[in-house]
C-alpha atoms as a PDB file:
ATOM      1  CA  UNK A   1      -8.385 -14.245  10.793  1.00  0.00           C
ATOM      2  CA  UNK A   2      -8.413 -12.898   7.393  1.00  0.00           C
ATOM      3  CA  UNK A   3     -10.738 -14.975   4.791  1.00  0.00           C
ATOM      4  CA  UNK A   4      -8.705 -16.567   1.980  1.00  0.00           C
ATOM      5  CA  UNK A   5     -11.206 -15.916  -0.572  1.00  0.00           C
ATOM      6  CA  UNK A   6     -11.913 -12.218   0.232  1.00  0.00           C
ATOM      7  CA  UNK A   7      -7.916 -11.690   0.283  1.00  0.00           C
ATOM      8  CA  UNK A   8      -7.891 -13.044  -3.243  1.00  0.00           C
ATOM      9  CA  UNK A   9     -10.991 -10.876  -4.455  1.00  0.00           C
ATOM     10  CA  UNK A  10      -8.916  -7.674  -3.110  1.00  0.00           C
ATOM     11  CA  UNK A  11      -5.896  -9.096  -5.276  1.00  0.00           C
ATOM     12  CA  UNK A  12      -8.293  -9.330  -8.333  1.00  0.00           C
ATOM     13  CA  UNK A  13      -9.708  -5.524  -7.933  1.00  0.00           C
ATOM     14  CA  UNK A  14      -6.317  -3.984  -7.332  1.00  0.00           C
ATOM     15  CA  UNK A  15      -4.819  -5.653 -10.793  1.00  0.00           C
ATOM     16  CA  UNK A  16      -7.919  -4.738 -12.812  1.00  0.00           C
ATOM     17  CA  UNK A  17      -7.749  -1.217 -11.370  1.00  0.00           C
ATOM     18  CA  UNK A  18      -3.907  -0.927 -12.099  1.00  0.00           C
ATOM     19  CA  UNK A  19      -4.393  -2.136 -15.643  1.00  0.00           C
ATOM     20  CA  UNK A  20      -7.290  -0.047 -16.439  1.00  0.00           C
ATOM     21  CA  UNK A  21      -5.553   3.067 -15.253  1.00  0.00           C
ATOM     22  CA  UNK A  22      -2.361   2.245 -17.347  1.00  0.00           C
ATOM     23  CA  UNK A  23      -4.713   1.749 -20.147  1.00  0.00           C
ATOM     24  CA  UNK A  24      -6.088   5.553 -19.305  1.00  0.00           C
ATOM     25  CA  UNK A  25      -2.554   6.661 -19.014  1.00  0.00           C
ATOM     26  CA  UNK A  26      -1.803   5.511 -22.627  1.00  0.00           C
ATOM     27  CA  UNK A  27      -5.152   7.048 -23.896  1.00  0.00           C
ATOM     28  CA  UNK A  28      -3.958  10.380 -22.491  1.00  0.00           C
ATOM     29  CA  UNK A  29      -6.644  10.764 -19.795  1.00  0.00           C
ATOM     30  CA  UNK A  30      -4.301  10.731 -16.721  1.00  0.00           C
ATOM     31  CA  UNK A  31      -2.869  14.201 -15.362  1.00  0.00           C
ATOM     32  CA  UNK A  32      -0.189  15.505 -13.580  1.00  0.00           C
ATOM     33  CA  UNK A  33       1.919  12.399 -13.293  1.00  0.00           C
ATOM     34  CA  UNK A  34       2.776   8.644 -14.272  1.00  0.00           C
ATOM     35  CA  UNK A  35       0.646   5.693 -12.877  1.00  0.00           C
ATOM     36  CA  UNK A  36       2.348   3.047 -10.711  1.00  0.00           C
ATOM     37  CA  UNK A  37       1.404  -0.343 -10.657  1.00  0.00           C
ATOM     38  CA  UNK A  38       1.221  -3.344  -7.775  1.00  0.00           C
ATOM     39  CA  UNK A  39       1.538  -5.822 -10.137  1.00  0.00           C
ATOM     40  CA  UNK A  40       3.276  -8.721  -8.236  1.00  0.00           C
ATOM     41  CA  UNK A  41       2.673  -6.987  -4.800  1.00  0.00           C
ATOM     42  CA  UNK A  42      -1.117  -7.514  -4.375  1.00  0.00           C
ATOM     43  CA  UNK A  43      -0.661 -10.591  -2.211  1.00  0.00           C
ATOM     44  CA  UNK A  44       1.572  -8.797   0.311  1.00  0.00           C
ATOM     45  CA  UNK A  45      -0.224  -5.381   0.310  1.00  0.00           C
ATOM     46  CA  UNK A  46      -4.031  -6.603   0.637  1.00  0.00           C
ATOM     47  CA  UNK A  47      -2.645  -9.023   3.527  1.00  0.00           C
ATOM     48  CA  UNK A  48      -1.543  -5.947   5.309  1.00  0.00           C
ATOM     49  CA  UNK A  49      -4.425  -4.085   4.917  1.00  0.00           C
ATOM     50  CA  UNK A  50      -7.046  -6.562   5.972  1.00  0.00           C
ATOM     51  CA  UNK A  51      -4.708  -7.538   9.250  1.00  0.00           C
ATOM     52  CA  UNK A  52      -5.928  -4.132  10.203  1.00  0.00           C
ATOM     53  CA  UNK A  53      -9.124  -2.503  11.868  1.00  0.00           C
ATOM     54  CA  UNK A  54     -11.004  -0.136   9.996  1.00  0.00           C
ATOM     55  CA  UNK A  55     -12.071   3.272  11.624  1.00  0.00           C
ATOM     56  CA  UNK A  56     -15.731   3.738  12.815  1.00  0.00           C
ATOM     57  CA  UNK A  57     -17.901   6.790  13.668  1.00  0.00           C
ATOM     58  CA  UNK A  58     -17.534   5.273  17.389  1.00  0.00           C
ATOM     59  CA  UNK A  59     -13.943   4.484  17.473  1.00  0.00           C
ATOM     60  CA  UNK A  60     -10.258   5.079  15.721  1.00  0.00           C
ATOM     61  CA  UNK A  61      -8.699   2.188  14.495  1.00  0.00           C
ATOM     62  CA  UNK A  62      -5.442   1.292  12.903  1.00  0.00           C
ATOM     63  CA  UNK A  63      -3.025   3.197  10.768  1.00  0.00           C
ATOM     64  CA  UNK A  64      -1.939   2.335   7.212  1.00  0.00           C
ATOM     65  CA  UNK A  65       0.736   4.171   5.315  1.00  0.00           C
ATOM     66  CA  UNK A  66       0.692   2.920   1.761  1.00  0.00           C
ATOM     67  CA  UNK A  67       3.403   3.174  -0.871  1.00  0.00           C
ATOM     68  CA  UNK A  68       3.216   3.708  -4.793  1.00  0.00           C
ATOM     69  CA  UNK A  69       2.034  -0.217  -5.295  1.00  0.00           C
ATOM     70  CA  UNK A  70      -0.200  -0.438  -2.619  1.00  0.00           C
ATOM     71  CA  UNK A  71      -3.055  -0.502  -4.703  1.00  0.00           C
ATOM     72  CA  UNK A  72      -4.632  -3.752  -3.104  1.00  0.00           C
ATOM     73  CA  UNK A  73      -3.700  -2.216   0.233  1.00  0.00           C
ATOM     74  CA  UNK A  74      -5.497   0.890  -0.290  1.00  0.00           C
ATOM     75  CA  UNK A  75      -8.479  -0.790  -1.613  1.00  0.00           C
ATOM     76  CA  UNK A  76      -8.717  -3.246   1.040  1.00  0.00           C
ATOM     77  CA  UNK A  77      -8.349  -0.495   3.811  1.00  0.00           C
ATOM     78  CA  UNK A  78     -11.371   1.173   2.357  1.00  0.00           C
ATOM     79  CA  UNK A  79     -10.374   3.445  -0.405  1.00  0.00           C
ATOM     80  CA  UNK A  80     -13.202   4.228  -3.014  1.00  0.00           C
ATOM     81  CA  UNK A  81     -12.270   3.041  -6.526  1.00  0.00           C
ATOM     82  CA  UNK A  82     -13.828   6.109  -7.567  1.00  0.00           C
ATOM     83  CA  UNK A  83     -11.436   8.139  -5.615  1.00  0.00           C
ATOM     84  CA  UNK A  84      -8.360   6.401  -7.198  1.00  0.00           C
ATOM     85  CA  UNK A  85      -9.856   7.220 -10.485  1.00  0.00           C
ATOM     86  CA  UNK A  86     -10.585  10.896  -9.924  1.00  0.00           C
ATOM     87  CA  UNK A  87      -7.282  11.520  -8.555  1.00  0.00           C
ATOM     88  CA  UNK A  88      -5.382  10.005 -11.642  1.00  0.00           C
ATOM     89  CA  UNK A  89      -7.689  11.742 -14.244  1.00  0.00           C
ATOM     90  CA  UNK A  90      -7.263  15.083 -12.350  1.00  0.00           C
ATOM     91  CA  UNK A  91     -10.921  15.672 -11.279  1.00  0.00           C
ATOM     92  CA  UNK A  92     -11.961  18.333  -8.821  1.00  0.00           C
ATOM     93  CA  UNK A  93     -14.220  15.943  -6.937  1.00  0.00           C
ATOM     94  CA  UNK A  94     -11.400  13.515  -5.885  1.00  0.00           C
ATOM     95  CA  UNK A  95     -10.217  13.758  -2.660  1.00  0.00           C
ATOM     96  CA  UNK A  96      -6.955  15.839  -3.439  1.00  0.00           C
ATOM     97  CA  UNK A  97      -9.189  18.351  -5.392  1.00  0.00           C
ATOM     98  CA  UNK A  98      -6.321  18.368  -7.961  1.00  0.00           C
ATOM     99  CA  UNK A  99      -3.541  19.236  -5.963  1.00  0.00           C
ATOM    100  CA  UNK A 100      -2.059  16.191  -7.201  1.00  0.00           C
ATOM    101  CA  UNK A 101      -2.295  13.700 -10.306  1.00  0.00           C
ATOM    102  CA  UNK A 102      -1.300  10.257  -9.086  1.00  0.00           C
ATOM    103  CA  UNK A 103      -0.590   8.664  -5.640  1.00  0.00           C
ATOM    104  CA  UNK A 104      -0.199  11.241  -2.790  1.00  0.00           C
ATOM    105  CA  UNK A 105      -4.079  10.866  -2.126  1.00  0.00           C
ATOM    106  CA  UNK A 106      -5.252   9.491   1.349  1.00  0.00           C
ATOM    107  CA  UNK A 107      -8.028  10.113   4.207  1.00  0.00           C
ATOM    108  CA  UNK A 108      -6.917  10.917   7.591  1.00  0.00           C
ATOM    109  CA  UNK A 109     -10.143  10.623   8.966  1.00  0.00           C
ATOM    110  CA  UNK A 110     -10.316   7.030   8.041  1.00  0.00           C
ATOM    111  CA  UNK A 111      -6.243   6.304   9.098  1.00  0.00           C
ATOM    112  CA  UNK A 112      -5.133   6.000   5.699  1.00  0.00           C
ATOM    113  CA  UNK A 113      -2.020   8.359   5.281  1.00  0.00           C
ATOM    114  CA  UNK A 114      -1.543   9.907   1.943  1.00  0.00           C
ATOM    115  CA  UNK A 115       1.761   8.590   0.305  1.00  0.00           C
ATOM    116  CA  UNK A 116       5.121  10.344   0.639  1.00  0.00           C
ATOM    117  CA  UNK A 117       7.391  10.296  -2.226  1.00  0.00           C
ATOM    118  CA  UNK A 118      10.507  11.164  -0.045  1.00  0.00           C
ATOM    119  CA  UNK A 119      11.111   7.313   0.661  1.00  0.00           C
ATOM    120  CA  UNK A 120      11.237   6.098   4.274  1.00  0.00           C
ATOM    121  CA  UNK A 121       9.523   9.373   5.434  1.00  0.00           C
ATOM    122  CA  UNK A 122       6.249   7.634   6.150  1.00  0.00           C
ATOM    123  CA  UNK A 123       7.468   5.289   9.149  1.00  0.00           C
ATOM    124  CA  UNK A 124       8.288   8.594  11.136  1.00  0.00           C
ATOM    125  CA  UNK A 125       4.591   9.883  10.379  1.00  0.00           C
ATOM    126  CA  UNK A 126       3.219   6.633  11.537  1.00  0.00           C
ATOM    127  CA  UNK A 127       5.666   6.751  14.517  1.00  0.00           C
ATOM    128  CA  UNK A 128       4.186  10.412  15.359  1.00  0.00           C
ATOM    129  CA  UNK A 129       0.491   9.271  15.140  1.00  0.00           C
ATOM    130  CA  UNK A 130       1.146   6.706  17.386  1.00  0.00           C
ATOM    131  CA  UNK A 131       2.624   8.493  19.767  1.00  0.00           C
ATOM    132  CA  UNK A 132       0.140  11.142  19.945  1.00  0.00           C
ATOM    133  CA  UNK A 133      -2.545   8.891  20.830  1.00  0.00           C
ATOM    134  CA  UNK A 134      -0.353   7.233  23.212  1.00  0.00           C
ATOM    135  CA  UNK A 135      -0.227  10.603  25.139  1.00  0.00           C
ATOM    136  CA  UNK A 136      -3.715  11.403  24.810  1.00  0.00           C
ATOM    137  CA  UNK A 137      -4.614   7.747  26.263  1.00  0.00           C
ATOM    138  CA  UNK A 138      -6.332   6.818  23.084  1.00  0.00           C
ATOM    139  CA  UNK A 139      -4.087   4.496  21.662  1.00  0.00           C
ATOM    140  CA  UNK A 140      -5.530   1.143  23.256  1.00  0.00           C
ATOM    141  CA  UNK A 141      -4.331  -1.673  21.130  1.00  0.00           C
ATOM    142  CA  UNK A 142      -4.374   0.193  17.986  1.00  0.00           C
ATOM    143  CA  UNK A 143      -1.184  -0.599  15.537  1.00  0.00           C
ATOM    144  CA  UNK A 144       0.197   1.381  12.280  1.00  0.00           C
ATOM    145  CA  UNK A 145       1.557  -0.323   9.443  1.00  0.00           C
ATOM    146  CA  UNK A 146       4.294   1.606   7.279  1.00  0.00           C
ATOM    147  CA  UNK A 147       4.861   0.105   3.791  1.00  0.00           C
ATOM    148  CA  UNK A 148       8.266   0.497   2.193  1.00  0.00           C
ATOM    149  CA  UNK A 149      10.448  -1.032  -0.327  1.00  0.00           C
ATOM    150  CA  UNK A 150      14.116  -2.021  -0.433  1.00  0.00           C
ATOM    151  CA  UNK A 151      15.023   1.682  -1.778  1.00  0.00           C
ATOM    152  CA  UNK A 152      13.336   3.198   0.971  1.00  0.00           C
ATOM    153  CA  UNK A 153      15.491   1.173   3.460  1.00  0.00           C
ATOM    154  CA  UNK A 154      18.522   2.861   2.839  1.00  0.00           C
ATOM    155  CA  UNK A 155      17.032   6.205   3.278  1.00  0.00           C
ATOM    156  CA  UNK A 156      18.160   8.320   6.296  1.00  0.00           C
ATOM    157  CA  UNK A 157      14.501   8.915   7.190  1.00  0.00           C
ATOM    158  CA  UNK A 158      13.845   5.153   7.573  1.00  0.00           C
ATOM    159  CA  UNK A 159      16.654   4.721  10.115  1.00  0.00           C
ATOM    160  CA  UNK A 160      15.293   7.607  12.046  1.00  0.00           C
ATOM    161  CA  UNK A 161      11.913   6.295  11.941  1.00  0.00           C
ATOM    162  CA  UNK A 162      12.615   2.536  12.533  1.00  0.00           C
ATOM    163  CA  UNK A 163      15.077   3.739  15.399  1.00  0.00           C
ATOM    164  CA  UNK A 164      12.301   5.861  17.231  1.00  0.00           C
ATOM    165  CA  UNK A 165       9.638   3.123  16.958  1.00  0.00           C
ATOM    166  CA  UNK A 166      12.251   0.487  18.445  1.00  0.00           C
ATOM    167  CA  UNK A 167      13.114   2.886  21.285  1.00  0.00           C
ATOM    168  CA  UNK A 168       9.725   3.854  22.252  1.00  0.00           C
ATOM    169  CA  UNK A 169       8.423   0.556  21.899  1.00  0.00           C
ATOM    170  CA  UNK A 170       5.538   1.603  19.356  1.00  0.00           C
ATOM    171  CA  UNK A 171       2.949  -0.915  17.921  1.00  0.00           C
ATOM    172  CA  UNK A 172       4.643  -0.168  14.279  1.00  0.00           C
ATOM    173  CA  UNK A 173       4.809  -2.956  11.747  1.00  0.00           C
ATOM    174  CA  UNK A 174       7.394  -2.112   9.213  1.00  0.00           C
ATOM    175  CA  UNK A 175       6.232  -3.933   5.937  1.00  0.00           C
ATOM    176  CA  UNK A 176       9.279  -4.289   3.639  1.00  0.00           C
ATOM    177  CA  UNK A 177       8.773  -5.450  -0.148  1.00  0.00           C
ATOM    178  CA  UNK A 178      12.172  -6.428  -1.491  1.00  0.00           C
ATOM    179  CA  UNK A 179      11.308  -6.507  -4.987  1.00  0.00           C
ATOM    180  CA  UNK A 180      14.799  -6.739  -6.475  1.00  0.00           C
ATOM    181  CA  UNK A 181      14.798  -3.357  -7.993  1.00  0.00           C
ATOM    182  CA  UNK A 182      14.751   0.283  -6.729  1.00  0.00           C
ATOM    183  CA  UNK A 183      13.564   1.836 -10.154  1.00  0.00           C
ATOM    184  CA  UNK A 184      16.667   0.370 -11.797  1.00  0.00           C
ATOM    185  CA  UNK A 185      19.022  -0.031  -9.098  1.00  0.00           C
ATOM    186  CA  UNK A 186      19.167  -3.612  -8.196  1.00  0.00           C
ATOM    187  CA  UNK A 187      19.114  -5.053  -4.619  1.00  0.00           C
ATOM    188  CA  UNK A 188      23.219  -6.050  -4.618  1.00  0.00           C
ATOM    189  CA  UNK A 189      23.779  -2.196  -5.271  1.00  0.00           C
ATOM    190  CA  UNK A 190      21.495  -1.342  -2.763  1.00  0.00           C
ATOM    191  CA  UNK A 191      22.673  -3.207   0.458  1.00  0.00           C
ATOM    192  CA  UNK A 192      25.519  -5.456   1.223  1.00  0.00           C
ATOM    193  CA  UNK A 193      23.925  -7.444   4.065  1.00  0.00           C
ATOM    194  CA  UNK A 194      22.367 -11.296   3.279  1.00  0.00           C
ATOM    195  CA  UNK A 195      18.953  -9.926   3.624  1.00  0.00           C
ATOM    196  CA  UNK A 196      17.087  -6.586   4.962  1.00  0.00           C
ATOM    197  CA  UNK A 197      15.489  -8.848   7.618  1.00  0.00           C
ATOM    198  CA  UNK A 198      19.074  -8.989   9.123  1.00  0.00           C
ATOM    199  CA  UNK A 199      18.613  -5.438  10.342  1.00  0.00           C
ATOM    200  CA  UNK A 200      15.576  -6.054  12.536  1.00  0.00           C
ATOM    201  CA  UNK A 201      18.143  -7.336  14.925  1.00  0.00           C
ATOM    202  CA  UNK A 202      19.966  -4.417  15.061  1.00  0.00           C
ATOM    203  CA  UNK A 203      17.120  -2.010  15.643  1.00  0.00           C
ATOM    204  CA  UNK A 204      15.594  -4.352  18.119  1.00  0.00           C
ATOM    205  CA  UNK A 205      12.227  -5.198  15.869  1.00  0.00           C
ATOM    206  CA  UNK A 206      10.786  -8.521  15.944  1.00  0.00           C
ATOM    207  CA  UNK A 207      11.734 -10.338  12.425  1.00  0.00           C
ATOM    208  CA  UNK A 208       9.248 -11.909  10.123  1.00  0.00           C
ATOM    209  CA  UNK A 209       9.685 -13.335   6.621  1.00  0.00           C
ATOM    210  CA  UNK A 210       7.754 -14.544   3.899  1.00  0.00           C
ATOM    211  CA  UNK A 211       7.638 -15.307  -0.047  1.00  0.00           C
ATOM    212  CA  UNK A 212       5.812 -12.326  -1.385  1.00  0.00           C
ATOM    213  CA  UNK A 213       4.401 -14.519  -4.391  1.00  0.00           C
ATOM    214  CA  UNK A 214       2.626 -16.964  -2.195  1.00  0.00           C
ATOM    215  CA  UNK A 215      -0.712 -15.269  -0.807  1.00  0.00           C
ATOM    216  CA  UNK A 216      -1.449 -17.653   1.938  1.00  0.00           C
ATOM    217  CA  UNK A 217       2.284 -17.043   3.350  1.00  0.00           C
ATOM    218  CA  UNK A 218       1.692 -13.264   2.976  1.00  0.00           C
ATOM    219  CA  UNK A 219      -1.342 -13.269   4.883  1.00  0.00           C
ATOM    220  CA  UNK A 220      -0.238 -15.811   7.825  1.00  0.00           C
ATOM    221  CA  UNK A 221       3.104 -14.013   8.330  1.00  0.00           C
ATOM    222  CA  UNK A 222       1.410 -10.126   8.354  1.00  0.00           C
ATOM    223  CA  UNK A 223      -1.058 -11.539  10.592  1.00  0.00           C
ATOM    224  CA  UNK A 224       1.444 -12.751  13.287  1.00  0.00           C
ATOM    225  CA  UNK A 225       3.406  -9.513  12.936  1.00  0.00           C
ATOM    226  CA  UNK A 226       0.355  -7.408  13.676  1.00  0.00           C
ATOM    227  CA  UNK A 227      -0.853  -9.579  16.345  1.00  0.00           C
ATOM    228  CA  UNK A 228       2.782  -9.343  18.069  1.00  0.00           C
ATOM    229  CA  UNK A 229       2.649  -5.498  17.835  1.00  0.00           C
ATOM    230  CA  UNK A 230      -0.982  -5.457  19.226  1.00  0.00           C
ATOM    231  CA  UNK A 231      -0.065  -7.591  22.279  1.00  0.00           C
ATOM    232  CA  UNK A 232       2.716  -4.783  23.166  1.00  0.00           C
ATOM    233  CA  UNK A 233       5.592  -7.036  21.899  1.00  0.00           C
ATOM    234  CA  UNK A 234       7.253  -3.653  20.140  1.00  0.00           C
ATOM    235  CA  UNK A 235       7.713  -2.795  16.612  1.00  0.00           C
ATOM    236  CA  UNK A 236       7.906  -5.830  14.093  1.00  0.00           C
ATOM    237  CA  UNK A 237       9.386  -5.877  10.776  1.00  0.00           C
ATOM    238  CA  UNK A 238       8.120  -7.947   7.954  1.00  0.00           C
ATOM    239  CA  UNK A 239      10.169  -8.696   4.813  1.00  0.00           C
ATOM    240  CA  UNK A 240       8.440 -10.167   1.708  1.00  0.00           C
ATOM    241  CA  UNK A 241      10.697 -11.292  -1.329  1.00  0.00           C
ATOM    242  CA  UNK A 242       9.202 -10.556  -4.613  1.00  0.00           C
ATOM    243  CA  UNK A 243       9.664  -9.008  -8.160  1.00  0.00           C
ATOM    244  CA  UNK A 244       8.493  -5.812  -9.485  1.00  0.00           C
ATOM    245  CA  UNK A 245       6.306  -7.100 -12.324  1.00  0.00           C
ATOM    246  CA  UNK A 246       6.034  -3.820 -14.258  1.00  0.00           C
ATOM    247  CA  UNK A 247       7.849  -1.022 -14.602  1.00  0.00           C
ATOM    248  CA  UNK A 248       8.679   2.083 -12.145  1.00  0.00           C
ATOM    249  CA  UNK A 249       5.536   3.503 -13.733  1.00  0.00           C
ATOM    250  CA  UNK A 250       4.031   3.562 -16.952  1.00  0.00           C
ATOM    251  CA  UNK A 251       6.684   5.583 -18.357  1.00  0.00           C
ATOM    252  CA  UNK A 252       9.365   2.981 -17.845  1.00  0.00           C
ATOM    253  CA  UNK A 253       9.348   0.096 -20.102  1.00  0.00           C
ATOM    254  CA  UNK A 254      11.207  -2.240 -17.655  1.00  0.00           C
ATOM    255  CA  UNK A 255      13.672  -3.377 -20.233  1.00  0.00           C
ATOM    256  CA  UNK A 256      16.470  -3.608 -17.120  1.00  0.00           C
ATOM    257  CA  UNK A 257      14.435  -6.711 -15.819  1.00  0.00           C
ATOM    258  CA  UNK A 258      16.443  -9.844 -17.413  1.00  0.00           C
ATOM    259  CA  UNK A 259      14.941 -13.115 -18.147  1.00  0.00           C
ATOM    260  CA  UNK A 260      17.158 -14.674 -15.303  1.00  0.00           C
ATOM    261  CA  UNK A 261      15.590 -12.604 -12.658  1.00  0.00           C
ATOM    262  CA  UNK A 262      11.939 -13.082 -14.068  1.00  0.00           C
ATOM    263  CA  UNK A 263      12.224 -16.798 -14.208  1.00  0.00           C
ATOM    264  CA  UNK A 264      13.149 -16.774 -10.307  1.00  0.00           C
ATOM    265  CA  UNK A 265       9.752 -15.057  -9.414  1.00  0.00           C
ATOM    266  CA  UNK A 266       6.081 -16.289  -9.980  1.00  0.00           C
ATOM    267  CA  UNK A 267       3.092 -13.568 -10.147  1.00  0.00           C
ATOM    268  CA  UNK A 268       1.227 -13.695  -7.017  1.00  0.00           C
ATOM    269  CA  UNK A 269      -2.154 -13.682  -8.433  1.00  0.00           C
ATOM    270  CA  UNK A 270      -2.187 -16.512 -10.998  1.00  0.00           C
ATOM    271  CA  UNK A 271      -0.510 -18.517  -8.441  1.00  0.00           C
ATOM    272  CA  UNK A 272      -3.425 -17.827  -5.665  1.00  0.00           C
ATOM    273  CA  UNK A 273      -6.002 -18.578  -8.169  1.00  0.00           C
ATOM    274  CA  UNK A 274      -4.561 -21.794  -9.510  1.00  0.00           C
ATOM    275  CA  UNK A 275      -4.458 -22.971  -5.610  1.00  0.00           C
ATOM    276  CA  UNK A 276      -7.973 -21.668  -5.033  1.00  0.00           C
ATOM    277  CA  UNK A 277      -9.371 -23.527  -8.025  1.00  0.00           C
ATOM    278  CA  UNK A 278      -7.614 -26.867  -7.115  1.00  0.00           C
ATOM    279  CA  UNK A 279      -9.513 -26.463  -3.991  1.00  0.00           C
ATOM    280  CA  UNK A 280     -12.728 -26.141  -6.095  1.00  0.00           C
ATOM    281  CA  UNK A 281     -13.180 -22.422  -5.520  1.00  0.00           C
ATOM    282  CA  UNK A 282     -15.040 -20.625  -8.648  1.00  0.00           C
ATOM    283  CA  UNK A 283     -12.767 -17.574  -9.441  1.00  0.00           C
ATOM    284  CA  UNK A 284     -14.247 -16.213 -12.527  1.00  0.00           C
ATOM    285  CA  UNK A 285     -16.707 -14.213 -10.927  1.00  0.00           C
ATOM    286  CA  UNK A 286     -14.189 -12.031  -9.097  1.00  0.00           C
ATOM    287  CA  UNK A 287     -12.851 -10.860 -12.584  1.00  0.00           C
ATOM    288  CA  UNK A 288     -16.035 -10.253 -13.746  1.00  0.00           C
ATOM    289  CA  UNK A 289     -17.527  -8.005 -10.691  1.00  0.00           C
ATOM    290  CA  UNK A 290     -13.899  -6.269 -10.507  1.00  0.00           C
ATOM    291  CA  UNK A 291     -14.097  -5.342 -14.121  1.00  0.00           C
ATOM    292  CA  UNK A 292     -17.701  -3.981 -13.960  1.00  0.00           C
ATOM    293  CA  UNK A 293     -16.853  -2.004 -10.652  1.00  0.00           C
ATOM    294  CA  UNK A 294     -13.782  -0.430 -12.200  1.00  0.00           C
ATOM    295  CA  UNK A 295     -15.520   0.395 -15.406  1.00  0.00           C
ATOM    296  CA  UNK A 296     -18.121   2.475 -13.641  1.00  0.00           C
ATOM    297  CA  UNK A 297     -15.899   4.008 -11.731  1.00  0.00           C
ATOM    298  CA  UNK A 298     -14.072   5.498 -14.763  1.00  0.00           C
ATOM    299  CA  UNK A 299     -17.572   6.316 -16.777  1.00  0.00           C
ATOM    300  CA  UNK A 300     -18.500   8.368 -13.736  1.00  0.00           C
ATOM    301  CA  UNK A 301     -14.864   9.839 -13.264  1.00  0.00           C
ATOM    302  CA  UNK A 302     -14.282  10.744 -17.052  1.00  0.00           C
ATOM    303  CA  UNK A 303     -17.633  12.641 -17.442  1.00  0.00           C
ATOM    304  CA  UNK A 304     -16.604  14.633 -14.235  1.00  0.00           C
ATOM    305  CA  UNK A 305     -15.318  18.679 -14.487  1.00  0.00           C
ATOM    306  CA  UNK A 306     -11.593  19.160 -14.026  1.00  0.00           C
ATOM    307  CA  UNK A 307     -10.645  22.309 -11.781  1.00  0.00           C
ATOM    308  CA  UNK A 308     -12.032  25.459 -12.474  1.00  0.00           C
ATOM    309  CA  UNK A 309      -9.016  27.848 -12.127  1.00  0.00           C
ATOM    310  CA  UNK A 310     -11.130  30.959 -11.420  1.00  0.00           C
ATOM    311  CA  UNK A 311     -13.175  29.219  -8.773  1.00  0.00           C
ATOM    312  CA  UNK A 312     -11.128  26.314  -6.958  1.00  0.00           C
ATOM    313  CA  UNK A 313     -10.188  26.916  -3.509  1.00  0.00           C
ATOM    314  CA  UNK A 314      -7.591  23.861  -4.071  1.00  0.00           C
ATOM    315  CA  UNK A 315      -8.397  22.345  -0.498  1.00  0.00           C
ATOM    316  CA  UNK A 316      -7.258  18.919  -0.422  1.00  0.00           C
ATOM    317  CA  UNK A 317      -9.145  18.076   2.622  1.00  0.00           C
ATOM    318  CA  UNK A 318     -12.450  19.696   4.039  1.00  0.00           C
ATOM    319  CA  UNK A 319     -12.200  21.411   7.590  1.00  0.00           C
ATOM    320  CA  UNK A 320     -14.935  19.361   8.502  1.00  0.00           C
ATOM    321  CA  UNK A 321     -12.999  15.887   7.795  1.00  0.00           C
ATOM    322  CA  UNK A 322      -9.659  17.679   9.460  1.00  0.00           C
ATOM    323  CA  UNK A 323     -11.527  18.328  12.754  1.00  0.00           C
ATOM    324  CA  UNK A 324     -13.239  14.882  12.979  1.00  0.00           C
ATOM    325  CA  UNK A 325      -9.682  13.334  12.388  1.00  0.00           C
ATOM    326  CA  UNK A 326      -8.130  15.403  15.524  1.00  0.00           C
ATOM    327  CA  UNK A 327     -11.214  14.752  17.675  1.00  0.00           C
END
C-alpha cells in the first residue's frame, strides 16, 4: 500500500518544481517550448506512479506513459529532478540531448515512456509493450498505465488502443483526468455522455471513479484498479474529476475558466495538507526540502552548456540504454 505521507511528499515536490519551471519560463531560460503545469492534478498523478513497481537491474517492472500534467507521476516513478530542468532549459546533458525542449522526455530502460503529443497515441504504445512481453513470456504480473485527459478520450488513437487492450485482456490501466477543459474547449463540447466512465462498459473495461481533489480517494481508487489488472482481470479505467488550475501552458492565461467553475473544485494539495495537519502530521519540512532540491537542480542545470552545433550527435538516448531496454 502507498504511504500517505510519501504520497503527499511527491505532490509537494511536483508543485515546487512546476512553479520554478514557470518562473524560469518568465525569465526566458526555457528553450524550445512552453511549460506545462500539473497544478491540481498532483494527487492523482502521484498515486498512479506510486502504485507501480519500479524497474531494477534484476527485473523489469511496470510501464508508465505520462501526459503533460504528470510531473508528480514522473518524479514518483523515478525521474530525477535534474532531468526535467535540463530538458526544459535545453541542456545537452539532459536525457533528450536538446532534441526536445519540454515534455517529451522519458527513460525506456526504466519503463517511463516519453510523452506523445498526439493525444491518445500512448495507449497503443503501452498495449504494444505489454503484448511484446506477453509473447516473450516475461510479462508476469506487470501492468502499464497510460495517462490521458478528457480531450484525448475523443481521439481515434485512444479508441483503437482501448479496444485492443480490451480484446487482448491486457493489464492496462487507463488513467483519465477529466479536468473540465481540453485546452479551451469545455467538457460539454467534448462529449455528450453523462460521464466518460460510461464508456468503460462499452469497451469491456473495469470501471473506477474518484474525486481527483481528494488525495486519499485517488490513492485508494488507483491502487484498486492496478491490483485488478495485476490479478488478471483485464484492463481497467479510472476516471478522476478535477479542474486544471493553470493554463494549458505558461503561454496561456487561463482567463476562459470562470469563477463558477473554479468554485466547484478545490486544490488537491492544500486539501491534503489540511487533512494531514489535522491528524498531527507536520508538513513544513516537505516544502523546505522540495525547494532546496529544486533550487540545487536549477543551479546545476543553468551552469551547464547547451548544444554544440558543430559536434553534437543529437542522439536522445545512448545505444547502451536501448540495448538494456531490449534485453
